PDB file of N, CA and C in Angstrom:
ATOM      1  N   MET A   1      24.425  -9.094 -21.395  1.00  0.00           N
ATOM      2  CA  MET A   1      23.201  -8.469 -20.955  1.00  0.00           C
ATOM      3  C   MET A   1      22.162  -9.548 -20.647  1.00  0.00           C
ATOM      4  N   SER A   2      21.506  -9.414 -19.537  1.00  0.00           N
ATOM      5  CA  SER A   2      20.544 -10.417 -19.099  1.00  0.00           C
ATOM      6  C   SER A   2      19.191 -10.200 -19.753  1.00  0.00           C
ATOM      7  N   SER A   3      18.509 -11.280 -20.042  1.00  0.00           N
ATOM      8  CA  SER A   3      17.171 -11.178 -20.622  1.00  0.00           C
ATOM      9  C   SER A   3      16.104 -11.452 -19.562  1.00  0.00           C
ATOM     10  N   ARG A   4      16.474 -11.378 -18.299  1.00  0.00           N
ATOM     11  CA  ARG A   4      15.545 -11.653 -17.209  1.00  0.00           C
ATOM     12  C   ARG A   4      14.325 -10.729 -17.221  1.00  0.00           C
ATOM     13  N   PRO A   5      14.459  -9.413 -17.409  1.00  0.00           N
ATOM     14  CA  PRO A   5      13.262  -8.567 -17.444  1.00  0.00           C
ATOM     15  C   PRO A   5      12.320  -8.932 -18.593  1.00  0.00           C
ATOM     16  N   THR A   6      12.869  -9.381 -19.712  1.00  0.00           N
ATOM     17  CA  THR A   6      12.030  -9.770 -20.834  1.00  0.00           C
ATOM     18  C   THR A   6      11.214 -10.997 -20.475  1.00  0.00           C
ATOM     19  N   HIS A   7      11.857 -11.977 -19.830  1.00  0.00           N
ATOM     20  CA  HIS A   7      11.127 -13.171 -19.418  1.00  0.00           C
ATOM     21  C   HIS A   7      10.064 -12.834 -18.386  1.00  0.00           C
ATOM     22  N   LEU A   8      10.383 -11.932 -17.484  1.00  0.00           N
ATOM     23  CA  LEU A   8       9.429 -11.543 -16.454  1.00  0.00           C
ATOM     24  C   LEU A   8       8.229 -10.835 -17.078  1.00  0.00           C
ATOM     25  N   ALA A   9       8.490  -9.941 -18.024  1.00  0.00           N
ATOM     26  CA  ALA A   9       7.400  -9.228 -18.677  1.00  0.00           C
ATOM     27  C   ALA A   9       6.535 -10.186 -19.488  1.00  0.00           C
ATOM     28  N   THR A  10       7.168 -11.097 -20.201  1.00  0.00           N
ATOM     29  CA  THR A  10       6.412 -12.070 -20.993  1.00  0.00           C
ATOM     30  C   THR A  10       5.629 -12.996 -20.078  1.00  0.00           C
ATOM     31  N   GLY A  11       6.248 -13.438 -18.999  1.00  0.00           N
ATOM     32  CA  GLY A  11       5.587 -14.342 -18.065  1.00  0.00           C
ATOM     33  C   GLY A  11       4.403 -13.710 -17.357  1.00  0.00           C
ATOM     34  N   ALA A  12       4.386 -12.406 -17.239  1.00  0.00           N
ATOM     35  CA  ALA A  12       3.271 -11.716 -16.592  1.00  0.00           C
ATOM     36  C   ALA A  12       2.247 -11.227 -17.617  1.00  0.00           C
ATOM     37  N   PHE A  13       2.707 -10.801 -18.777  1.00  0.00           N
ATOM     38  CA  PHE A  13       1.810 -10.182 -19.751  1.00  0.00           C
ATOM     39  C   PHE A  13       0.982 -11.200 -20.525  1.00  0.00           C
ATOM     40  N   VAL A  14       1.589 -12.288 -20.939  1.00  0.00           N
ATOM     41  CA  VAL A  14       0.880 -13.275 -21.767  1.00  0.00           C
ATOM     42  C   VAL A  14      -0.290 -13.907 -21.003  1.00  0.00           C
ATOM     43  N   PRO A  15      -0.100 -14.407 -19.768  1.00  0.00           N
ATOM     44  CA  PRO A  15      -1.268 -14.942 -19.047  1.00  0.00           C
ATOM     45  C   PRO A  15      -2.334 -13.885 -18.765  1.00  0.00           C
ATOM     46  N   LEU A  16      -1.902 -12.667 -18.514  1.00  0.00           N
ATOM     47  CA  LEU A  16      -2.862 -11.591 -18.284  1.00  0.00           C
ATOM     48  C   LEU A  16      -3.693 -11.336 -19.534  1.00  0.00           C
ATOM     49  N   LEU A  17      -3.061 -11.335 -20.684  1.00  0.00           N
ATOM     50  CA  LEU A  17      -3.767 -11.126 -21.948  1.00  0.00           C
ATOM     51  C   LEU A  17      -4.733 -12.277 -22.232  1.00  0.00           C
ATOM     52  N   ILE A  18      -4.286 -13.506 -22.029  1.00  0.00           N
ATOM     53  CA  ILE A  18      -5.151 -14.668 -22.249  1.00  0.00           C
ATOM     54  C   ILE A  18      -6.339 -14.636 -21.288  1.00  0.00           C
ATOM     55  N   GLY A  19      -6.084 -14.318 -20.024  1.00  0.00           N
ATOM     56  CA  GLY A  19      -7.162 -14.226 -19.046  1.00  0.00           C
ATOM     57  C   GLY A  19      -8.155 -13.127 -19.378  1.00  0.00           C
ATOM     58  N   PHE A  20      -7.649 -12.008 -19.878  1.00  0.00           N
ATOM     59  CA  PHE A  20      -8.529 -10.908 -20.249  1.00  0.00           C
ATOM     60  C   PHE A  20      -9.470 -11.321 -21.376  1.00  0.00           C
ATOM     61  N   PHE A  21      -8.934 -11.985 -22.394  1.00  0.00           N
ATOM     62  CA  PHE A  21      -9.782 -12.414 -23.504  1.00  0.00           C
ATOM     63  C   PHE A  21     -10.767 -13.506 -23.076  1.00  0.00           C
ATOM     64  N   ALA A  22     -10.364 -14.359 -22.131  1.00  0.00           N
ATOM     65  CA  ALA A  22     -11.282 -15.386 -21.632  1.00  0.00           C
ATOM     66  C   ALA A  22     -12.440 -14.756 -20.862  1.00  0.00           C
ATOM     67  N   ILE A  23     -12.142 -13.766 -20.029  1.00  0.00           N
ATOM     68  CA  ILE A  23     -13.205 -13.076 -19.288  1.00  0.00           C
ATOM     69  C   ILE A  23     -14.101 -12.303 -20.249  1.00  0.00           C
ATOM     70  N   LEU A  24     -13.510 -11.672 -21.240  1.00  0.00           N
ATOM     71  CA  LEU A  24     -14.298 -10.932 -22.232  1.00  0.00           C
ATOM     72  C   LEU A  24     -15.239 -11.869 -22.980  1.00  0.00           C
ATOM     73  N   ASP A  25     -14.743 -13.046 -23.343  1.00  0.00           N
ATOM     74  CA  ASP A  25     -15.582 -14.027 -24.028  1.00  0.00           C
ATOM     75  C   ASP A  25     -16.701 -14.518 -23.114  1.00  0.00           C
ATOM     76  N   LEU A  26     -16.377 -14.728 -21.846  1.00  0.00           N
ATOM     77  CA  LEU A  26     -17.372 -15.208 -20.891  1.00  0.00           C
ATOM     78  C   LEU A  26     -18.489 -14.194 -20.693  1.00  0.00           C
ATOM     79  N   THR A  27     -18.163 -12.921 -20.650  1.00  0.00           N
ATOM     80  CA  THR A  27     -19.188 -11.907 -20.416  1.00  0.00           C
ATOM     81  C   THR A  27     -20.135 -11.755 -21.593  1.00  0.00           C
ATOM     82  N   GLN A  28     -19.772 -12.234 -22.761  1.00  0.00           N
ATOM     83  CA  GLN A  28     -20.625 -12.139 -23.933  1.00  0.00           C
ATOM     84  C   GLN A  28     -21.670 -13.254 -23.999  1.00  0.00           C
ATOM     85  N   LYS A  29     -21.550 -14.252 -23.160  1.00  0.00           N
ATOM     86  CA  LYS A  29     -22.474 -15.386 -23.184  1.00  0.00           C
ATOM     87  C   LYS A  29     -23.718 -15.071 -22.359  1.00  0.00           C
ATOM     88  N   PRO A  30     -24.887 -15.540 -22.805  1.00  0.00           N
ATOM     89  CA  PRO A  30     -26.128 -15.253 -22.060  1.00  0.00           C
ATOM     90  C   PRO A  30     -26.166 -15.880 -20.672  1.00  0.00           C
ATOM     91  N   ARG A  31     -25.480 -16.983 -20.467  1.00  0.00           N
ATOM     92  CA  ARG A  31     -25.462 -17.628 -19.145  1.00  0.00           C
ATOM     93  C   ARG A  31     -24.790 -16.765 -18.098  1.00  0.00           C
ATOM     94  N   PHE A  32     -23.929 -15.848 -18.508  1.00  0.00           N
ATOM     95  CA  PHE A  32     -23.183 -15.012 -17.567  1.00  0.00           C
ATOM     96  C   PHE A  32     -24.120 -14.141 -16.735  1.00  0.00           C
ATOM     97  N   ALA A  33     -25.272 -13.783 -17.287  1.00  0.00           N
ATOM     98  CA  ALA A  33     -26.221 -12.941 -16.555  1.00  0.00           C
ATOM     99  C   ALA A  33     -26.792 -13.654 -15.335  1.00  0.00           C
ATOM    100  N   ASN A  34     -26.773 -14.986 -15.337  1.00  0.00           N
ATOM    101  CA  ASN A  34     -27.327 -15.739 -14.216  1.00  0.00           C
ATOM    102  C   ASN A  34     -26.361 -15.879 -13.049  1.00  0.00           C
ATOM    103  N   PHE A  35     -25.093 -15.542 -13.248  1.00  0.00           N
ATOM    104  CA  PHE A  35     -24.117 -15.649 -12.168  1.00  0.00           C
ATOM    105  C   PHE A  35     -24.295 -14.487 -11.197  1.00  0.00           C
ATOM    106  N   HIS A  36     -24.115 -14.780  -9.924  1.00  0.00           N
ATOM    107  CA  HIS A  36     -24.141 -13.728  -8.913  1.00  0.00           C
ATOM    108  C   HIS A  36     -22.748 -13.116  -8.813  1.00  0.00           C
ATOM    109  N   THR A  37     -22.693 -11.826  -8.545  1.00  0.00           N
ATOM    110  CA  THR A  37     -21.419 -11.109  -8.474  1.00  0.00           C
ATOM    111  C   THR A  37     -20.501 -11.713  -7.410  1.00  0.00           C
ATOM    112  N   VAL A  38     -21.066 -12.098  -6.283  1.00  0.00           N
ATOM    113  CA  VAL A  38     -20.258 -12.673  -5.209  1.00  0.00           C
ATOM    114  C   VAL A  38     -19.596 -13.968  -5.670  1.00  0.00           C
ATOM    115  N   ASP A  39     -20.322 -14.782  -6.424  1.00  0.00           N
ATOM    116  CA  ASP A  39     -19.761 -16.039  -6.916  1.00  0.00           C
ATOM    117  C   ASP A  39     -18.634 -15.794  -7.908  1.00  0.00           C
ATOM    118  N   VAL A  40     -18.802 -14.801  -8.754  1.00  0.00           N
ATOM    119  CA  VAL A  40     -17.765 -14.474  -9.735  1.00  0.00           C
ATOM    120  C   VAL A  40     -16.511 -13.969  -9.028  1.00  0.00           C
ATOM    121  N   VAL A  41     -16.678 -13.112  -8.046  1.00  0.00           N
ATOM    122  CA  VAL A  41     -15.533 -12.584  -7.297  1.00  0.00           C
ATOM    123  C   VAL A  41     -14.827 -13.717  -6.559  1.00  0.00           C
ATOM    124  N   GLN A  42     -15.582 -14.636  -5.971  1.00  0.00           N
ATOM    125  CA  GLN A  42     -14.988 -15.761  -5.270  1.00  0.00           C
ATOM    126  C   GLN A  42     -14.222 -16.659  -6.245  1.00  0.00           C
ATOM    127  N   LEU A  43     -14.762 -16.880  -7.425  1.00  0.00           N
ATOM    128  CA  LEU A  43     -14.097 -17.699  -8.432  1.00  0.00           C
ATOM    129  C   LEU A  43     -12.796 -17.055  -8.900  1.00  0.00           C
ATOM    130  N   VAL A  44     -12.830 -15.753  -9.132  1.00  0.00           N
ATOM    131  CA  VAL A  44     -11.620 -15.040  -9.559  1.00  0.00           C
ATOM    132  C   VAL A  44     -10.576 -15.053  -8.441  1.00  0.00           C
ATOM    133  N   ALA A  45     -10.998 -14.820  -7.217  1.00  0.00           N
ATOM    134  CA  ALA A  45     -10.058 -14.816  -6.095  1.00  0.00           C
ATOM    135  C   ALA A  45      -9.423 -16.190  -5.882  1.00  0.00           C
ATOM    136  N   SER A  46     -10.209 -17.245  -6.003  1.00  0.00           N
ATOM    137  CA  SER A  46      -9.631 -18.577  -5.827  1.00  0.00           C
ATOM    138  C   SER A  46      -8.680 -18.900  -6.970  1.00  0.00           C
ATOM    139  N   GLY A  47      -8.986 -18.463  -8.174  1.00  0.00           N
ATOM    140  CA  GLY A  47      -8.073 -18.652  -9.295  1.00  0.00           C
ATOM    141  C   GLY A  47      -6.761 -17.915  -9.084  1.00  0.00           C
ATOM    142  N   MET A  48      -6.836 -16.717  -8.534  1.00  0.00           N
ATOM    143  CA  MET A  48      -5.622 -15.962  -8.245  1.00  0.00           C
ATOM    144  C   MET A  48      -4.787 -16.670  -7.181  1.00  0.00           C
ATOM    145  N   CYS A  49      -5.441 -17.204  -6.168  1.00  0.00           N
ATOM    146  CA  CYS A  49      -4.709 -17.914  -5.114  1.00  0.00           C
ATOM    147  C   CYS A  49      -4.027 -19.160  -5.662  1.00  0.00           C
ATOM    148  N   PHE A  50      -4.719 -19.907  -6.514  1.00  0.00           N
ATOM    149  CA  PHE A  50      -4.099 -21.078  -7.123  1.00  0.00           C
ATOM    150  C   PHE A  50      -2.927 -20.676  -8.015  1.00  0.00           C
ATOM    151  N   GLY A  51      -3.064 -19.574  -8.732  1.00  0.00           N
ATOM    152  CA  GLY A  51      -1.974 -19.085  -9.572  1.00  0.00           C
ATOM    153  C   GLY A  51      -0.760 -18.672  -8.763  1.00  0.00           C
ATOM    154  N   ILE A  52      -0.982 -18.000  -7.661  1.00  0.00           N
ATOM    155  CA  ILE A  52       0.121 -17.586  -6.796  1.00  0.00           C
ATOM    156  C   ILE A  52       0.809 -18.809  -6.196  1.00  0.00           C
ATOM    157  N   ALA A  53       0.010 -19.787  -5.768  1.00  0.00           N
ATOM    158  CA  ALA A  53       0.593 -21.000  -5.187  1.00  0.00           C
ATOM    159  C   ALA A  53       1.400 -21.770  -6.229  1.00  0.00           C
ATOM    160  N   LEU A  54       0.886 -21.869  -7.441  1.00  0.00           N
ATOM    161  CA  LEU A  54       1.607 -22.566  -8.503  1.00  0.00           C
ATOM    162  C   LEU A  54       2.905 -21.847  -8.836  1.00  0.00           C
ATOM    163  N   THR A  55       2.883 -20.530  -8.867  1.00  0.00           N
ATOM    164  CA  THR A  55       4.091 -19.758  -9.114  1.00  0.00           C
ATOM    165  C   THR A  55       5.123 -19.982  -8.015  1.00  0.00           C
ATOM    166  N   ALA A  56       4.668 -20.032  -6.769  1.00  0.00           N
ATOM    167  CA  ALA A  56       5.587 -20.263  -5.651  1.00  0.00           C
ATOM    168  C   ALA A  56       6.222 -21.647  -5.739  1.00  0.00           C
ATOM    169  N   VAL A  57       5.443 -22.648  -6.106  1.00  0.00           N
ATOM    170  CA  VAL A  57       5.986 -24.005  -6.239  1.00  0.00           C
ATOM    171  C   VAL A  57       7.011 -24.062  -7.365  1.00  0.00           C
ATOM    172  N   ILE A  58       6.720 -23.433  -8.481  1.00  0.00           N
ATOM    173  CA  ILE A  58       7.654 -23.430  -9.612  1.00  0.00           C
ATOM    174  C   ILE A  58       8.942 -22.706  -9.244  1.00  0.00           C
ATOM    175  N   GLU A  59       8.835 -21.567  -8.580  1.00  0.00           N
ATOM    176  CA  GLU A  59      10.036 -20.840  -8.162  1.00  0.00           C
ATOM    177  C   GLU A  59      10.843 -21.647  -7.147  1.00  0.00           C
ATOM    178  N   PHE A  60      10.162 -22.376  -6.251  1.00  0.00           N
ATOM    179  CA  PHE A  60      10.864 -23.218  -5.287  1.00  0.00           C
ATOM    180  C   PHE A  60      11.638 -24.326  -6.003  1.00  0.00           C
ATOM    181  N   LEU A  61      11.029 -24.904  -7.022  1.00  0.00           N
ATOM    182  CA  LEU A  61      11.692 -25.982  -7.755  1.00  0.00           C
ATOM    183  C   LEU A  61      12.828 -25.473  -8.630  1.00  0.00           C
ATOM    184  N   ARG A  62      12.766 -24.228  -9.073  1.00  0.00           N
ATOM    185  CA  ARG A  62      13.809 -23.661  -9.929  1.00  0.00           C
ATOM    186  C   ARG A  62      14.997 -23.153  -9.136  1.00  0.00           C
ATOM    187  N   LYS A  63      14.841 -22.956  -7.838  1.00  0.00           N
ATOM    188  CA  LYS A  63      15.919 -22.406  -7.005  1.00  0.00           C
ATOM    189  C   LYS A  63      17.103 -23.381  -7.000  1.00  0.00           C
ATOM    190  N   PRO A  64      18.300 -22.862  -7.230  1.00  0.00           N
ATOM    191  CA  PRO A  64      19.471 -23.753  -7.226  1.00  0.00           C
ATOM    192  C   PRO A  64      19.709 -24.372  -5.852  1.00  0.00           C
ATOM    193  N   ARG A  65      20.076 -25.609  -5.866  1.00  0.00           N
ATOM    194  CA  ARG A  65      20.364 -26.333  -4.620  1.00  0.00           C
ATOM    195  C   ARG A  65      21.821 -26.141  -4.230  1.00  0.00           C
ATOM    196  N   PRO A  66      22.116 -26.044  -2.916  1.00  0.00           N
ATOM    197  CA  PRO A  66      23.525 -25.882  -2.502  1.00  0.00           C
ATOM    198  C   PRO A  66      24.308 -27.167  -2.623  1.00  0.00           C
TER     199      PRO A  66
END
């Protein structure tokens, strides 16, 4: 039996949980009120793009060579 779904779930759930707690911690700080919504959305979007690119590079490197 393959453990691939378990690795996939762990690989997606753990970073999501860590990111959620980091955002929750950030929103509790008084400096957060000074950020503009557009800047926060741009920061989150760029972080997502970097994450997707890093995932693509890792998957490319893990692919078996012929």
